[in-house]
């Protein structure tokens, strides 16, 4: 149980760091008028557990904050991810 929890925490830290850095990279590319990171890649990263990192990147870099898909979608993804993690932890604790 402890190993699984440790691996989950490590995974979530890494995916959120990656998500945050993707937002930084996309903002830089936007400023430099270079090829951008596709929104699908950002959403995939969020669905894989990186939604808090994406949301933090949105705030820090003021990026994608006017896109409804991001301002509504990311908190929804984050909510469902938190609920899934909480349910899994509860099931592991009780089971």
Protein backbone atom coordinates (compact mmCIF):
# COMPACT_ATOMS: atom_id res chain seq x y z
CA UNK A 1 0.00 0.00 0.00
CA UNK A 2 2.77 2.45 0.92
CA UNK A 3 4.67 1.66 -2.29
CA UNK A 4 1.57 2.24 -4.39
CA UNK A 5 0.89 5.54 -2.66
CA UNK A 6 4.51 6.62 -3.11
CA UNK A 7 4.40 5.75 -6.81
CA UNK A 8 1.12 7.62 -7.25
CA UNK A 9 2.50 10.73 -5.57
CA UNK A 10 5.70 10.59 -7.64
CA UNK A 11 3.70 10.16 -10.85
CA UNK A 12 1.39 13.06 -10.05
CA UNK A 13 4.31 15.34 -9.19
CA UNK A 14 6.08 14.51 -12.46
CA UNK A 15 3.01 14.82 -14.69
CA UNK A 16 2.10 18.16 -13.12
CA UNK A 17 5.63 19.49 -13.50
CA UNK A 18 5.50 18.42 -17.14
CA UNK A 19 2.11 20.09 -17.61
CA UNK A 20 3.35 23.32 -16.05
CA UNK A 21 6.44 23.32 -18.27
CA UNK A 22 4.31 22.61 -21.36
CA UNK A 23 2.27 25.73 -20.62
CA UNK A 24 5.48 27.74 -20.25
CA UNK A 25 6.83 26.38 -23.52
CA UNK A 26 3.57 27.09 -25.37
CA UNK A 27 3.49 30.65 -24.08
CA UNK A 28 7.08 31.20 -25.19
CA UNK A 29 6.33 29.76 -28.61
CA UNK A 30 3.29 32.01 -28.91
CA UNK A 31 5.37 35.09 -28.17
CA UNK A 32 8.03 34.05 -30.66
CA UNK A 33 5.40 33.22 -33.30
CA UNK A 34 6.72 29.67 -33.53
CA UNK A 35 4.86 26.41 -33.95
CA UNK A 36 2.63 25.85 -30.92
CA UNK A 37 1.94 22.85 -28.74
CA UNK A 38 -1.43 21.44 -29.86
CA UNK A 39 -4.30 21.98 -27.44
CA UNK A 40 -5.03 18.26 -27.69
CA UNK A 41 -1.60 17.56 -26.18
CA UNK A 42 -2.31 19.94 -23.32
CA UNK A 43 -5.70 18.31 -22.66
CA UNK A 44 -4.17 14.83 -22.85
CA UNK A 45 -1.59 15.83 -20.27
CA UNK A 46 -4.41 17.17 -18.09
CA UNK A 47 -6.45 13.98 -18.42
CA UNK A 48 -3.40 11.92 -17.48
CA UNK A 49 -3.28 13.74 -14.14
CA UNK A 50 -1.68 17.07 -14.98
CA UNK A 51 -4.68 19.37 -14.72
CA UNK A 52 -3.39 21.17 -11.60
CA UNK A 53 -0.11 21.86 -13.41
CA UNK A 54 -1.98 23.17 -16.44
CA UNK A 55 -4.14 25.43 -14.26
CA UNK A 56 -1.10 26.74 -12.38
CA UNK A 57 0.61 27.41 -15.72
CA UNK A 58 -2.48 29.26 -16.92
CA UNK A 59 -2.30 31.56 -13.91
CA UNK A 60 1.46 32.07 -13.75
CA UNK A 61 1.94 32.66 -17.48
CA UNK A 62 -1.50 34.20 -18.13
CA UNK A 63 -1.90 31.74 -20.97
CA UNK A 64 -5.12 30.26 -22.38
CA UNK A 65 -7.11 32.16 -19.76
CA UNK A 66 -9.63 33.44 -22.32
CA UNK A 67 -10.33 30.02 -23.81
CA UNK A 68 -13.54 28.59 -22.36
CA UNK A 69 -12.34 25.06 -23.00
CA UNK A 70 -9.45 25.68 -20.64
CA UNK A 71 -11.14 27.87 -18.03
CA UNK A 72 -14.05 25.45 -17.66
CA UNK A 73 -12.55 22.19 -18.83
CA UNK A 74 -9.43 22.12 -16.65
CA UNK A 75 -11.25 22.59 -13.34
CA UNK A 76 -13.75 19.90 -14.36
CA UNK A 77 -10.97 17.48 -15.27
CA UNK A 78 -9.22 18.30 -12.00
CA UNK A 79 -12.41 17.72 -10.00
CA UNK A 80 -12.99 14.29 -11.53
CA UNK A 81 -9.34 13.32 -11.12
CA UNK A 82 -9.40 14.30 -7.44
CA UNK A 83 -12.61 12.34 -6.96
CA UNK A 84 -11.09 9.27 -8.65
CA UNK A 85 -7.92 9.45 -6.55
CA UNK A 86 -9.95 9.91 -3.37
CA UNK A 87 -12.17 6.96 -4.26
CA UNK A 88 -9.15 4.77 -5.01
CA UNK A 89 -7.45 5.72 -1.75
CA UNK A 90 -10.64 5.10 0.20
CA UNK A 91 -11.14 1.73 -1.45
CA UNK A 92 -7.53 0.76 -0.73
CA UNK A 93 -7.86 1.88 2.89
CA UNK A 94 -11.14 0.06 3.47
CA UNK A 95 -10.45 -2.95 1.32
